[in-house]
PDB file of N, CA and C in Angstrom:
ATOM      1  N   MET A   1     -12.394-144.706   7.881  1.00  0.00           N
ATOM      2  CA  MET A   1     -11.755-146.844   7.496  1.00  0.00           C
ATOM      3  C   MET A   1     -11.937-147.245   5.781  1.00  0.00           C
ATOM      4  N   ALA A   2     -10.868-147.395   6.277  1.00  0.00           N
ATOM      5  CA  ALA A   2     -10.185-147.521   4.505  1.00  0.00           C
ATOM      6  C   ALA A   2     -10.673-149.679   4.034  1.00  0.00           C
ATOM      7  N   ILE A   3     -11.027-149.132   2.760  1.00  0.00           N
ATOM      8  CA  ILE A   3     -11.253-150.597   2.216  1.00  0.00           C
ATOM      9  C   ILE A   3     -10.632-151.634   2.216  1.00  0.00           C
ATOM     10  N   ILE A   4     -10.081-152.414   2.858  1.00  0.00           N
ATOM     11  CA  ILE A   4      -9.114-152.753   2.185  1.00  0.00           C
ATOM     12  C   ILE A   4      -8.831-153.930   1.151  1.00  0.00           C
ATOM     13  N   ARG A   5     -10.315-154.433   1.024  1.00  0.00           N
ATOM     14  CA  ARG A   5     -10.982-155.949  -0.035  1.00  0.00           C
ATOM     15  C   ARG A   5     -12.329-155.413  -0.431  1.00  0.00           C
ATOM     16  N   TYR A   6     -12.541-156.418  -1.591  1.00  0.00           N
ATOM     17  CA  TYR A   6     -13.630-156.180  -2.156  1.00  0.00           C
ATOM     18  C   TYR A   6     -14.237-157.661  -2.162  1.00  0.00           C
ATOM     19  N   THR A   7     -15.083-158.125  -1.964  1.00  0.00           N
ATOM     20  CA  THR A   7     -15.779-159.221  -2.188  1.00  0.00           C
ATOM     21  C   THR A   7     -16.530-159.594  -3.489  1.00  0.00           C
ATOM     22  N   GLY A   8     -17.179-160.006  -4.101  1.00  0.00           N
ATOM     23  CA  GLY A   8     -18.490-160.467  -5.056  1.00  0.00           C
ATOM     24  C   GLY A   8     -18.955-161.334  -5.044  1.00  0.00           C
ATOM     25  N   ILE A   9     -19.959-161.546  -4.724  1.00  0.00           N
ATOM     26  CA  ILE A   9     -20.947-162.706  -5.028  1.00  0.00           C
ATOM     27  C   ILE A   9     -21.381-162.765  -5.528  1.00  0.00           C
ATOM     28  N   TYR A  10     -21.745-164.705  -6.779  1.00  0.00           N
ATOM     29  CA  TYR A  10     -22.256-164.314  -7.011  1.00  0.00           C
ATOM     30  C   TYR A  10     -23.778-165.114  -6.840  1.00  0.00           C
ATOM     31  N   ASN A  11     -24.670-165.432  -7.508  1.00  0.00           N
ATOM     32  CA  ASN A  11     -25.596-165.183  -7.450  1.00  0.00           C
ATOM     33  C   ASN A  11     -26.389-167.174  -8.062  1.00  0.00           C
ATOM     34  N   ALA A  12     -25.002-168.056  -7.349  1.00  0.00           N
ATOM     35  CA  ALA A  12     -24.640-168.929  -7.487  1.00  0.00           C
ATOM     36  C   ALA A  12     -24.360-170.114  -7.158  1.00  0.00           C
ATOM     37  N   ASP A  13     -23.908-171.396  -7.903  1.00  0.00           N
ATOM     38  CA  ASP A  13     -23.379-171.926  -6.797  1.00  0.00           C
ATOM     39  C   ASP A  13     -22.639-172.424  -7.531  1.00  0.00           C
ATOM     40  N   GLY A  14     -21.578-172.179  -6.563  1.00  0.00           N
ATOM     41  CA  GLY A  14     -19.744-172.470  -7.902  1.00  0.00           C
ATOM     42  C   GLY A  14     -19.190-174.678  -7.933  1.00  0.00           C
ATOM     43  N   GLY A  15     -18.426-174.717  -8.810  1.00  0.00           N
ATOM     44  CA  GLY A  15     -18.171-176.321  -8.994  1.00  0.00           C
ATOM     45  C   GLY A  15     -19.203-176.800 -10.553  1.00  0.00           C
ATOM     46  N   VAL A  16     -18.438-177.868 -10.590  1.00  0.00           N
ATOM     47  CA  VAL A  16     -19.153-178.611 -11.719  1.00  0.00           C
ATOM     48  C   VAL A  16     -21.221-178.286 -11.731  1.00  0.00           C
ATOM     49  N   TRP A  17     -21.094-179.001 -10.775  1.00  0.00           N
ATOM     50  CA  TRP A  17     -22.538-179.055 -11.188  1.00  0.00           C
ATOM     51  C   TRP A  17     -23.476-178.084 -10.612  1.00  0.00           C
ATOM     52  N   GLY A  18     -23.212-176.704 -10.064  1.00  0.00           N
ATOM     53  CA  GLY A  18     -23.373-175.167  -9.798  1.00  0.00           C
ATOM     54  C   GLY A  18     -23.097-174.281 -11.306  1.00  0.00           C
ATOM     55  N   GLU A  19     -21.916-174.413 -11.795  1.00  0.00           N
ATOM     56  CA  GLU A  19     -21.838-173.784 -12.375  1.00  0.00           C
ATOM     57  C   GLU A  19     -23.156-174.627 -14.621  1.00  0.00           C
ATOM     58  N   THR A  20     -23.077-175.359 -14.193  1.00  0.00           N
ATOM     59  CA  THR A  20     -23.664-176.222 -15.215  1.00  0.00           C
ATOM     60  C   THR A  20     -24.857-176.011 -14.852  1.00  0.00           C
ATOM     61  N   ARG A  21     -25.714-176.184 -13.671  1.00  0.00           N
ATOM     62  CA  ARG A  21     -27.232-176.024 -13.098  1.00  0.00           C
ATOM     63  C   ARG A  21     -26.823-174.638 -13.976  1.00  0.00           C
ATOM     64  N   TYR A  22     -26.656-173.146 -13.392  1.00  0.00           N
ATOM     65  CA  TYR A  22     -26.289-172.339 -13.641  1.00  0.00           C
ATOM     66  C   TYR A  22     -25.985-172.081 -14.976  1.00  0.00           C
ATOM     67  N   ILE A  23     -25.645-172.849 -16.189  1.00  0.00           N
ATOM     68  CA  ILE A  23     -25.182-172.042 -17.545  1.00  0.00           C
ATOM     69  C   ILE A  23     -26.929-172.385 -17.464  1.00  0.00           C
ATOM     70  N   LEU A  24     -27.057-173.537 -17.601  1.00  0.00           N
ATOM     71  CA  LEU A  24     -28.328-173.969 -18.499  1.00  0.00           C
ATOM     72  C   LEU A  24     -29.845-173.844 -17.614  1.00  0.00           C
ATOM     73  N   GLY A  25     -29.754-173.162 -16.450  1.00  0.00           N
ATOM     74  CA  GLY A  25     -31.068-172.134 -16.423  1.00  0.00           C
ATOM     75  C   GLY A  25     -30.652-170.672 -17.077  1.00  0.00           C
ATOM     76  N   HIS A  26     -29.938-169.988 -16.635  1.00  0.00           N
ATOM     77  CA  HIS A  26     -29.431-168.718 -17.704  1.00  0.00           C
ATOM     78  C   HIS A  26     -30.089-168.984 -19.191  1.00  0.00           C
ATOM     79  N   LEU A  27     -29.475-169.985 -19.458  1.00  0.00           N
ATOM     80  CA  LEU A  27     -29.724-170.224 -21.121  1.00  0.00           C
ATOM     81  C   LEU A  27     -31.517-170.264 -20.872  1.00  0.00           C
ATOM     82  N   LEU A  28     -31.810-170.380 -20.303  1.00  0.00           N
ATOM     83  CA  LEU A  28     -33.104-170.717 -20.228  1.00  0.00           C
ATOM     84  C   LEU A  28     -34.281-169.798 -19.967  1.00  0.00           C
ATOM     85  N   GLY A  29     -33.541-169.087 -19.174  1.00  0.00           N
ATOM     86  CA  GLY A  29     -34.176-167.392 -18.575  1.00  0.00           C
ATOM     87  C   GLY A  29     -34.847-168.151 -17.666  1.00  0.00           C
ATOM     88  N   THR A  30     -34.516-168.879 -16.938  1.00  0.00           N
ATOM     89  CA  THR A  30     -35.089-169.239 -15.571  1.00  0.00           C
ATOM     90  C   THR A  30     -34.035-168.863 -13.952  1.00  0.00           C
ATOM     91  N   THR A  31     -32.531-168.357 -14.379  1.00  0.00           N
ATOM     92  CA  THR A  31     -32.139-168.582 -14.204  1.00  0.00           C
ATOM     93  C   THR A  31     -30.741-166.833 -13.941  1.00  0.00           C
ATOM     94  N   ALA A  32     -30.522-165.577 -13.493  1.00  0.00           N
ATOM     95  CA  ALA A  32     -29.863-165.006 -13.247  1.00  0.00           C
ATOM     96  C   ALA A  32     -28.961-164.191 -12.198  1.00  0.00           C
ATOM     97  N   CYS A  33     -27.495-164.103 -12.849  1.00  0.00           N
ATOM     98  CA  CYS A  33     -27.251-163.234 -11.825  1.00  0.00           C
ATOM     99  C   CYS A  33     -25.951-162.072 -12.994  1.00  0.00           C
ATOM    100  N   SER A  34     -26.360-161.076 -12.411  1.00  0.00           N
ATOM    101  CA  SER A  34     -26.356-159.617 -13.386  1.00  0.00           C
ATOM    102  C   SER A  34     -24.633-159.488 -12.724  1.00  0.00           C
ATOM    103  N   LEU A  35     -23.940-159.824 -11.766  1.00  0.00           N
ATOM    104  CA  LEU A  35     -23.138-159.792 -10.945  1.00  0.00           C
ATOM    105  C   LEU A  35     -21.624-160.968 -12.557  1.00  0.00           C
ATOM    106  N   CYS A  36     -22.473-161.485 -12.281  1.00  0.00           N
ATOM    107  CA  CYS A  36     -22.107-162.751 -13.738  1.00  0.00           C
ATOM    108  C   CYS A  36     -22.293-161.996 -15.398  1.00  0.00           C
ATOM    109  N   ASP A  37     -22.687-161.133 -14.983  1.00  0.00           N
ATOM    110  CA  ASP A  37     -23.138-161.238 -16.617  1.00  0.00           C
ATOM    111  C   ASP A  37     -22.167-159.555 -16.751  1.00  0.00           C
ATOM    112  N   ILE A  38     -21.424-159.499 -15.986  1.00  0.00           N
ATOM    113  CA  ILE A  38     -20.227-158.719 -15.645  1.00  0.00           C
ATOM    114  C   ILE A  38     -19.153-158.963 -16.104  1.00  0.00           C
ATOM    115  N   THR A  39     -18.705-159.942 -14.990  1.00  0.00           N
ATOM    116  CA  THR A  39     -17.537-160.699 -15.375  1.00  0.00           C
ATOM    117  C   THR A  39     -17.125-161.826 -16.440  1.00  0.00           C
ATOM    118  N   HIS A  40     -18.205-161.989 -16.659  1.00  0.00           N
ATOM    119  CA  HIS A  40     -18.346-163.663 -18.145  1.00  0.00           C
ATOM    120  C   HIS A  40     -19.253-162.685 -18.791  1.00  0.00           C
ATOM    121  N   SER A  41     -18.658-163.406 -20.321  1.00  0.00           N
ATOM    122  CA  SER A  41     -19.142-163.130 -21.669  1.00  0.00           C
ATOM    123  C   SER A  41     -19.958-164.511 -21.109  1.00  0.00           C
ATOM    124  N   PRO A  42     -20.395-164.520 -21.967  1.00  0.00           N
ATOM    125  CA  PRO A  42     -20.653-166.797 -22.770  1.00  0.00           C
ATOM    126  C   PRO A  42     -19.960-167.000 -22.807  1.00  0.00           C
ATOM    127  N   LEU A  43     -19.207-167.297 -22.437  1.00  0.00           N
ATOM    128  CA  LEU A  43     -17.658-168.450 -22.793  1.00  0.00           C
ATOM    129  C   LEU A  43     -16.805-168.472 -21.516  1.00  0.00           C
ATOM    130  N   ARG A  44     -16.249-167.264 -21.271  1.00  0.00           N
ATOM    131  CA  ARG A  44     -15.093-166.614 -20.896  1.00  0.00           C
ATOM    132  C   ARG A  44     -15.050-165.563 -19.413  1.00  0.00           C
ATOM    133  N   ARG A  45     -14.037-165.702 -18.653  1.00  0.00           N
ATOM    134  CA  ARG A  45     -14.381-164.441 -18.228  1.00  0.00           C
ATOM    135  C   ARG A  45     -13.466-163.381 -19.212  1.00  0.00           C
ATOM    136  N   ARG A  46     -14.238-161.794 -19.158  1.00  0.00           N
ATOM    137  CA  ARG A  46     -14.105-161.658 -19.222  1.00  0.00           C
ATOM    138  C   ARG A  46     -12.656-160.541 -19.398  1.00  0.00           C
ATOM    139  N   PRO A  47     -11.836-159.528 -19.958  1.00  0.00           N
ATOM    140  CA  PRO A  47     -10.733-159.633 -20.055  1.00  0.00           C
ATOM    141  C   PRO A  47     -10.637-158.347 -19.635  1.00  0.00           C
ATOM    142  N   GLU A  48     -11.553-157.111 -19.905  1.00  0.00           N
ATOM    143  CA  GLU A  48     -11.845-156.012 -19.194  1.00  0.00           C
ATOM    144  C   GLU A  48     -11.748-156.087 -18.373  1.00  0.00           C
ATOM    145  N   TRP A  49     -12.268-157.187 -17.247  1.00  0.00           N
ATOM    146  CA  TRP A  49     -12.857-157.388 -15.607  1.00  0.00           C
ATOM    147  C   TRP A  49     -11.450-157.382 -14.793  1.00  0.00           C
ATOM    148  N   ASP A  50     -10.494-158.077 -15.917  1.00  0.00           N
ATOM    149  CA  ASP A  50      -9.311-158.515 -15.008  1.00  0.00           C
ATOM    150  C   ASP A  50      -8.534-157.393 -15.460  1.00  0.00           C
ATOM    151  N   ALA A  51      -8.308-156.609 -16.285  1.00  0.00           N
ATOM    152  CA  ALA A  51      -8.424-155.276 -16.265  1.00  0.00           C
ATOM    153  C   ALA A  51      -8.205-154.305 -14.951  1.00  0.00           C
ATOM    154  N   MET A  52      -9.669-154.143 -15.194  1.00  0.00           N
ATOM    155  CA  MET A  52     -10.390-153.277 -14.392  1.00  0.00           C
ATOM    156  C   MET A  52      -9.880-153.886 -13.040  1.00  0.00           C
ATOM    157  N   VAL A  53     -10.116-155.410 -12.098  1.00  0.00           N
ATOM    158  CA  VAL A  53      -9.821-155.297 -11.269  1.00  0.00           C
ATOM    159  C   VAL A  53      -8.026-154.911 -11.067  1.00  0.00           C
ATOM    160  N   ALA A  54      -7.330-155.091 -11.385  1.00  0.00           N
ATOM    161  CA  ALA A  54      -5.355-154.811 -11.528  1.00  0.00           C
ATOM    162  C   ALA A  54      -5.500-153.191 -11.707  1.00  0.00           C
ATOM    163  N   ARG A  55      -6.290-152.083 -12.136  1.00  0.00           N
ATOM    164  CA  ARG A  55      -6.525-151.401 -11.637  1.00  0.00           C
ATOM    165  C   ARG A  55      -6.944-150.549  -9.934  1.00  0.00           C
ATOM    166  N   LEU A  56      -7.778-151.301  -9.154  1.00  0.00           N
ATOM    167  CA  LEU A  56      -8.297-151.159  -7.948  1.00  0.00           C
ATOM    168  C   LEU A  56      -7.409-150.231  -7.252  1.00  0.00           C
ATOM    169  N   GLY A  57      -5.880-151.367  -7.021  1.00  0.00           N
ATOM    170  CA  GLY A  57      -5.283-151.197  -5.965  1.00  0.00           C
ATOM    171  C   GLY A  57      -5.691-151.587  -4.482  1.00  0.00           C
ATOM    172  N   VAL A  58      -6.910-152.567  -4.800  1.00  0.00           N
ATOM    173  CA  VAL A  58      -7.127-153.607  -3.120  1.00  0.00           C
ATOM    174  C   VAL A  58      -7.192-154.688  -4.052  1.00  0.00           C
ATOM    175  N   PRO A  59      -7.484-155.868  -3.473  1.00  0.00           N
ATOM    176  CA  PRO A  59      -7.747-157.308  -4.109  1.00  0.00           C
ATOM    177  C   PRO A  59      -9.445-156.659  -4.240  1.00  0.00           C
ATOM    178  N   PHE A  60     -10.111-157.525  -5.093  1.00  0.00           N
ATOM    179  CA  PHE A  60     -11.223-158.115  -5.535  1.00  0.00           C
ATOM    180  C   PHE A  60     -11.512-159.705  -6.210  1.00  0.00           C
ATOM    181  N   GLU A  61     -12.095-160.495  -4.858  1.00  0.00           N
ATOM    182  CA  GLU A  61     -11.968-161.765  -5.395  1.00  0.00           C
ATOM    183  C   GLU A  61     -14.143-162.025  -5.294  1.00  0.00           C
ATOM    184  N   VAL A  62     -14.361-162.751  -6.815  1.00  0.00           N
ATOM    185  CA  VAL A  62     -15.893-163.185  -6.385  1.00  0.00           C
ATOM    186  C   VAL A  62     -15.668-164.594  -6.295  1.00  0.00           C
ATOM    187  N   ARG A  63     -16.771-164.561  -5.289  1.00  0.00           N
ATOM    188  CA  ARG A  63     -17.262-166.133  -5.613  1.00  0.00           C
ATOM    189  C   ARG A  63     -18.609-166.671  -5.607  1.00  0.00           C
ATOM    190  N   HIS A  64     -18.810-167.916  -5.664  1.00  0.00           N
ATOM    191  CA  HIS A  64     -19.431-168.592  -5.129  1.00  0.00           C
ATOM    192  C   HIS A  64     -20.695-168.131  -4.463  1.00  0.00           C
ATOM    193  N   ARG A  65     -22.112-168.367  -3.887  1.00  0.00           N
ATOM    194  CA  ARG A  65     -22.406-168.368  -2.734  1.00  0.00           C
ATOM    195  C   ARG A  65     -21.872-169.595  -1.908  1.00  0.00           C
ATOM    196  N   ASN A  66     -22.069-170.252  -2.466  1.00  0.00           N
ATOM    197  CA  ASN A  66     -21.878-171.819  -1.538  1.00  0.00           C
ATOM    198  C   ASN A  66     -19.902-171.359  -1.111  1.00  0.00           C
ATOM    199  N   GLU A  67     -19.469-170.546  -1.320  1.00  0.00           N
ATOM    200  CA  GLU A  67     -17.838-170.853  -0.752  1.00  0.00           C
ATOM    201  C   GLU A  67     -17.271-168.957  -0.389  1.00  0.00           C
ATOM    202  N   ILE A  68     -19.081-168.164   0.194  1.00  0.00           N
ATOM    203  CA  ILE A  68     -19.009-167.483   0.685  1.00  0.00           C
ATOM    204  C   ILE A  68     -18.345-168.157   2.088  1.00  0.00           C
ATOM    205  N   THR A  69     -17.532-167.136   3.384  1.00  0.00           N
ATOM    206  CA  THR A  69     -18.230-167.282   5.128  1.00  0.00           C
ATOM    207  C   THR A  69     -18.671-167.536   5.530  1.00  0.00           C
ATOM    208  N   THR A  70     -18.899-167.606   6.388  1.00  0.00           N
ATOM    209  CA  THR A  70     -20.030-167.233   7.584  1.00  0.00           C
ATOM    210  C   THR A  70     -20.416-165.943   7.668  1.00  0.00           C
ATOM    211  N   ALA A  71     -19.656-164.619   7.503  1.00  0.00           N
ATOM    212  CA  ALA A  71     -19.539-163.437   7.583  1.00  0.00           C
ATOM    213  C   ALA A  71     -20.028-163.168   6.411  1.00  0.00           C
ATOM    214  N   GLU A  72     -19.766-163.449   5.532  1.00  0.00           N
ATOM    215  CA  GLU A  72     -20.690-163.236   4.218  1.00  0.00           C
ATOM    216  C   GLU A  72     -21.595-163.362   4.372  1.00  0.00           C
ATOM    217  N   THR A  73     -22.136-164.505   4.368  1.00  0.00           N
ATOM    218  CA  THR A  73     -23.123-165.343   4.270  1.00  0.00           C
ATOM    219  C   THR A  73     -24.531-164.628   5.084  1.00  0.00           C
ATOM    220  N   ALA A  74     -24.097-164.306   6.206  1.00  0.00           N
ATOM    221  CA  ALA A  74     -25.314-163.625   7.408  1.00  0.00           C
ATOM    222  C   ALA A  74     -24.974-162.034   6.472  1.00  0.00           C
ATOM    223  N   PHE A  75     -23.900-161.504   6.517  1.00  0.00           N
ATOM    224  CA  PHE A  75     -24.374-160.058   6.135  1.00  0.00           C
ATOM    225  C   PHE A  75     -25.059-160.679   3.968  1.00  0.00           C
ATOM    226  N   ALA A  76     -25.037-160.615   3.608  1.00  0.00           N
ATOM    227  CA  ALA A  76     -25.938-161.301   2.419  1.00  0.00           C
ATOM    228  C   ALA A  76     -27.918-162.092   2.821  1.00  0.00           C
ATOM    229  N   ALA A  77     -27.161-162.435   3.087  1.00  0.00           N
ATOM    230  CA  ALA A  77     -28.523-162.675   3.941  1.00  0.00           C
ATOM    231  C   ALA A  77     -29.083-161.868   4.031  1.00  0.00           C
ATOM    232  N   THR A  78     -28.799-160.324   4.771  1.00  0.00           N
ATOM    233  CA  THR A  78     -29.982-158.379   4.273  1.00  0.00           C
ATOM    234  C   THR A  78     -29.974-158.192   3.050  1.00  0.00           C
ATOM    235  N   THR A  79     -29.336-158.870   1.840  1.00  0.00           N
ATOM    236  CA  THR A  79     -28.480-157.539   1.411  1.00  0.00           C
ATOM    237  C   THR A  79     -29.277-158.539  -0.293  1.00  0.00           C
ATOM    238  N   GLY A  80     -29.749-159.693   0.433  1.00  0.00           N
ATOM    239  CA  GLY A  80     -29.921-160.818  -0.942  1.00  0.00           C
ATOM    240  C   GLY A  80     -28.382-161.012  -1.974  1.00  0.00           C
ATOM    241  N   LEU A  81     -28.395-161.135  -3.691  1.00  0.00           N
ATOM    242  CA  LEU A  81     -27.272-161.459  -4.128  1.00  0.00           C
ATOM    243  C   LEU A  81     -28.144-161.442  -5.931  1.00  0.00           C
ATOM    244  N   PRO A  82     -26.980-160.849  -6.211  1.00  0.00           N
ATOM    245  CA  PRO A  82     -25.521-160.553  -5.987  1.00  0.00           C
ATOM    246  C   PRO A  82     -25.192-159.706  -5.188  1.00  0.00           C
ATOM    247  N   VAL A  83     -24.344-159.754  -4.486  1.00  0.00           N
ATOM    248  CA  VAL A  83     -23.831-158.265  -4.228  1.00  0.00           C
ATOM    249  C   VAL A  83     -22.615-158.114  -3.612  1.00  0.00           C
ATOM    250  N   VAL A  84     -22.129-156.868  -4.393  1.00  0.00           N
ATOM    251  CA  VAL A  84     -20.519-156.382  -3.672  1.00  0.00           C
ATOM    252  C   VAL A  84     -19.880-156.142  -2.650  1.00  0.00           C
ATOM    253  N   LEU A  85     -19.600-156.429  -1.536  1.00  0.00           N
ATOM    254  CA  LEU A  85     -18.789-156.328   0.082  1.00  0.00           C
ATOM    255  C   LEU A  85     -17.640-155.239  -0.262  1.00  0.00           C
ATOM    256  N   ALA A  86     -17.911-154.148   0.783  1.00  0.00           N
ATOM    257  CA  ALA A  86     -16.672-153.825   0.990  1.00  0.00           C
ATOM    258  C   ALA A  86     -15.729-154.447   2.246  1.00  0.00           C
ATOM    259  N   HIS A  87     -14.216-154.856   2.691  1.00  0.00           N
ATOM    260  CA  HIS A  87     -14.252-155.524   3.819  1.00  0.00           C
ATOM    261  C   HIS A  87     -13.166-154.170   3.831  1.00  0.00           C
ATOM    262  N   HIS A  88     -13.604-153.516   5.244  1.00  0.00           N
ATOM    263  CA  HIS A  88     -12.702-152.283   5.996  1.00  0.00           C
ATOM    264  C   HIS A  88     -11.166-152.562   6.856  1.00  0.00           C
ATOM    265  N   ASP A  89     -10.491-151.768   7.597  1.00  0.00           N
ATOM    266  CA  ASP A  89      -8.977-152.095   7.928  1.00  0.00           C
ATOM    267  C   ASP A  89      -9.624-152.766   9.722  1.00  0.00           C
ATOM    268  N   ASP A  90     -10.962-151.950   9.827  1.00  0.00           N
ATOM    269  CA  ASP A  90     -11.227-151.839  11.212  1.00  0.00           C
ATOM    270  C   ASP A  90     -12.648-153.508  11.335  1.00  0.00           C
ATOM    271  N   GLY A  91     -12.162-154.179  10.045  1.00  0.00           N
ATOM    272  CA  GLY A  91     -13.045-155.629   9.877  1.00  0.00           C
ATOM    273  C   GLY A  91     -14.644-155.443  10.174  1.00  0.00           C
ATOM    274  N   SER A  92     -15.311-154.124  10.014  1.00  0.00           N
ATOM    275  CA  SER A  92     -16.272-154.362   9.313  1.00  0.00           C
ATOM    276  C   SER A  92     -17.138-154.171   7.783  1.00  0.00           C
ATOM    277  N   ILE A  93     -17.213-154.887   7.080  1.00  0.00           N
ATOM    278  CA  ILE A  93     -18.215-155.118   5.694  1.00  0.00           C
ATOM    279  C   ILE A  93     -19.560-154.662   5.383  1.00  0.00           C
ATOM    280  N   THR A  94     -19.583-154.136   4.569  1.00  0.00           N
ATOM    281  CA  THR A  94     -20.194-153.116   3.765  1.00  0.00           C
ATOM    282  C   THR A  94     -20.408-153.867   2.884  1.00  0.00           C
ATOM    283  N   SER A  95     -22.297-153.447   2.098  1.00  0.00           N
ATOM    284  CA  SER A  95     -22.680-153.462   1.402  1.00  0.00           C
ATOM    285  C   SER A  95     -22.439-152.753   0.511  1.00  0.00           C
ATOM    286  N   VAL A  96     -21.806-152.534  -1.169  1.00  0.00           N
ATOM    287  CA  VAL A  96     -21.251-151.247  -2.219  1.00  0.00           C
ATOM    288  C   VAL A  96     -21.901-151.438  -3.053  1.00  0.00           C
ATOM    289  N   LEU A  97     -23.169-152.665  -3.344  1.00  0.00           N
ATOM    290  CA  LEU A  97     -23.602-152.274  -4.824  1.00  0.00           C
ATOM    291  C   LEU A  97     -24.198-154.017  -4.278  1.00  0.00           C
ATOM    292  N   THR A  98     -24.964-152.991  -4.495  1.00  0.00           N
ATOM    293  CA  THR A  98     -26.538-154.420  -4.975  1.00  0.00           C
ATOM    294  C   THR A  98     -26.721-155.274  -6.347  1.00  0.00           C
ATOM    295  N   ASP A  99     -28.151-156.233  -5.680  1.00  0.00           N
ATOM    296  CA  ASP A  99     -28.309-156.469  -7.059  1.00  0.00           C
ATOM    297  C   ASP A  99     -28.635-155.287  -8.079  1.00  0.00           C
ATOM    298  N   ALA A 100     -29.722-154.857  -7.835  1.00  0.00           N
ATOM    299  CA  ALA A 100     -30.459-153.482  -8.052  1.00  0.00           C
ATOM    300  C   ALA A 100     -29.361-152.935  -8.680  1.00  0.00           C
ATOM    301  N   ASP A 101     -28.720-152.445  -8.027  1.00  0.00           N
ATOM    302  CA  ASP A 101     -27.446-151.655  -8.724  1.00  0.00           C
ATOM    303  C   ASP A 101     -26.442-152.483 -10.082  1.00  0.00           C
ATOM    304  N   LEU A 102     -25.928-153.530  -9.575  1.00  0.00           N
ATOM    305  CA  LEU A 102     -25.817-153.931 -10.816  1.00  0.00           C
ATOM    306  C   LEU A 102     -26.238-154.735 -11.664  1.00  0.00           C
ATOM    307  N   ASP A 103     -27.462-155.384 -11.856  1.00  0.00           N
ATOM    308  CA  ASP A 103     -28.769-154.950 -12.533  1.00  0.00           C
ATOM    309  C   ASP A 103     -28.749-154.186 -13.628  1.00  0.00           C
ATOM    310  N   ALA A 104     -28.803-152.566 -12.548  1.00  0.00           N
ATOM    311  CA  ALA A 104     -28.994-150.962 -13.897  1.00  0.00           C
ATOM    312  C   ALA A 104     -26.948-151.615 -14.464  1.00  0.00           C
ATOM    313  N   LEU A 105     -26.467-151.864 -14.526  1.00  0.00           N
ATOM    314  CA  LEU A 105     -24.923-151.894 -14.867  1.00  0.00           C
ATOM    315  C   LEU A 105     -24.745-152.240 -16.326  1.00  0.00           C
ATOM    316  N   ASP A 106     -26.325-152.953 -16.543  1.00  0.00           N
ATOM    317  CA  ASP A 106     -26.292-153.614 -17.805  1.00  0.00           C
ATOM    318  C   ASP A 106     -25.367-154.381 -18.370  1.00  0.00           C
ATOM    319  N   GLY A 107     -24.194-155.110 -17.518  1.00  0.00           N
ATOM    320  CA  GLY A 107     -23.449-156.290 -18.190  1.00  0.00           C
ATOM    321  C   GLY A 107     -22.209-155.398 -17.928  1.00  0.00           C
ATOM    322  N   SER A 108     -22.171-153.602 -17.630  1.00  0.00           N
ATOM    323  CA  SER A 108     -20.804-153.535 -18.846  1.00  0.00           C
ATOM    324  C   SER A 108     -19.792-152.981 -17.417  1.00  0.00           C
ATOM    325  N   VAL A 109     -18.728-154.002 -17.425  1.00  0.00           N
ATOM    326  CA  VAL A 109     -17.706-153.672 -17.299  1.00  0.00           C
ATOM    327  C   VAL A 109     -16.828-151.931 -16.158  1.00  0.00           C
ATOM    328  N   SER A 110     -17.040-151.432 -17.331  1.00  0.00           N
ATOM    329  CA  SER A 110     -16.791-150.181 -17.544  1.00  0.00           C
ATOM    330  C   SER A 110     -17.827-148.920 -16.151  1.00  0.00           C
ATOM    331  N   GLN A 111     -19.351-149.636 -16.579  1.00  0.00           N
ATOM    332  CA  GLN A 111     -20.008-148.780 -15.286  1.00  0.00           C
ATOM    333  C   GLN A 111     -20.278-149.558 -14.523  1.00  0.00           C
ATOM    334  N   PHE A 112     -19.144-150.876 -13.987  1.00  0.00           N
ATOM    335  CA  PHE A 112     -18.763-150.892 -13.091  1.00  0.00           C
ATOM    336  C   PHE A 112     -18.229-150.631 -12.123  1.00  0.00           C
ATOM    337  N   GLU A 113     -17.276-150.165 -13.274  1.00  0.00           N
ATOM    338  CA  GLU A 113     -15.788-149.373 -12.042  1.00  0.00           C
ATOM    339  C   GLU A 113     -16.501-148.322 -11.630  1.00  0.00           C
ATOM    340  N   SER A 114     -16.789-147.540 -12.713  1.00  0.00           N
ATOM    341  CA  SER A 114     -17.866-145.613 -12.462  1.00  0.00           C
ATOM    342  C   SER A 114     -18.168-146.379 -10.536  1.00  0.00           C
ATOM    343  N   ALA A 115     -19.239-146.862 -11.074  1.00  0.00           N
ATOM    344  CA  ALA A 115     -20.196-146.587 -10.082  1.00  0.00           C
ATOM    345  C   ALA A 115     -19.343-147.423  -8.771  1.00  0.00           C
ATOM    346  N   LEU A 116     -18.481-148.496  -8.912  1.00  0.00           N
ATOM    347  CA  LEU A 116     -16.945-148.633  -7.669  1.00  0.00           C
ATOM    348  C   LEU A 116     -16.672-148.068  -6.873  1.00  0.00           C
ATOM    349  N   SER A 117     -16.428-146.814  -8.048  1.00  0.00           N
ATOM    350  CA  SER A 117     -15.559-145.568  -7.407  1.00  0.00           C
ATOM    351  C   SER A 117     -16.538-144.772  -6.936  1.00  0.00           C
ATOM    352  N   ALA A 118     -17.578-144.540  -6.790  1.00  0.00           N
ATOM    353  CA  ALA A 118     -18.520-143.258  -6.973  1.00  0.00           C
ATOM    354  C   ALA A 118     -19.042-144.060  -5.187  1.00  0.00           C
ATOM    355  N   SER A 119     -18.657-145.612  -4.980  1.00  0.00           N
ATOM    356  CA  SER A 119     -18.976-146.293  -4.234  1.00  0.00           C
ATOM    357  C   SER A 119     -18.730-145.925  -2.806  1.00  0.00           C
TER     358      SER A 119
END
């Protein structure tokens, strides 16, 4: 069963208000998302993230928790957020990196790439 794409789901809402709430919460230490720490610097998306995604050979999409599909919502309910999901050619979805896995990477894109390759 081959992986045809990945979806990373942030533990944050999208949109102007969602992202503003996340930034304020992050600055105050009341909100955290280990996937956000990997994909973004304090000011913007990391160029090394984009380079890593380009090397994967399959699409990798990141979405906010209020932007995911019904199937992804159901899956995330069992794993918690953030999470990285693999979508397989038979239609199944599996979790490849959980919040604990992502947190252990300490915001490193290179460690993320290694962990994803090992999964």
